[in-house]
Amino acid sequence: EVQLVESGGGLVQAGGSLRLSCATSGFTSDDYVIGWFRQAPGKEREGVSCIRSSDGSTYYADSVKGRFTISSDNAKKTAYLQMNSLKPEDTAVYYCAHMAGRFWTFSARLTPAEYDYWGQGTQVTVSS
């Protein structure tokens, strides 16, 4: 059974930092993508960043580039999202999700519909 479990969310002041973790289990392939997404109230889910397990390739949405860093520890089967210089507009529920590595393409990398397994989400709230 595939499982993804997020942790590390919380309340932080603008300019602060948080590190989210995504613990995974049950993957049947060593080539996969872990994506981080977020959804604010009344808004569509948007892609934030993703990382491919086979070669460590990463990709970021323009809105977080230079502030967020994605990483993974394949031995621990855990992915991380280090979020620095947080802004109130970063407030959302953050989700991690799994996508097969063969779908690592320009159009699919941060497209929610391309991901097949999702965690339950963790709330991040940035106060001004």
Foldseek 3Di string as FASTA:
>chain_A
DKAWAKDWADEEAAQAKIKMKIQIDDDPDQWKKKWKWWDDPPDDIWTAKMATRPPGDMDGDPVQPPFWDKDDDVVRNMIMIIGGRDDQVVWGWMKMFMAGNVPPDPVPRIDVVRTDDIHPTDTHGYHD
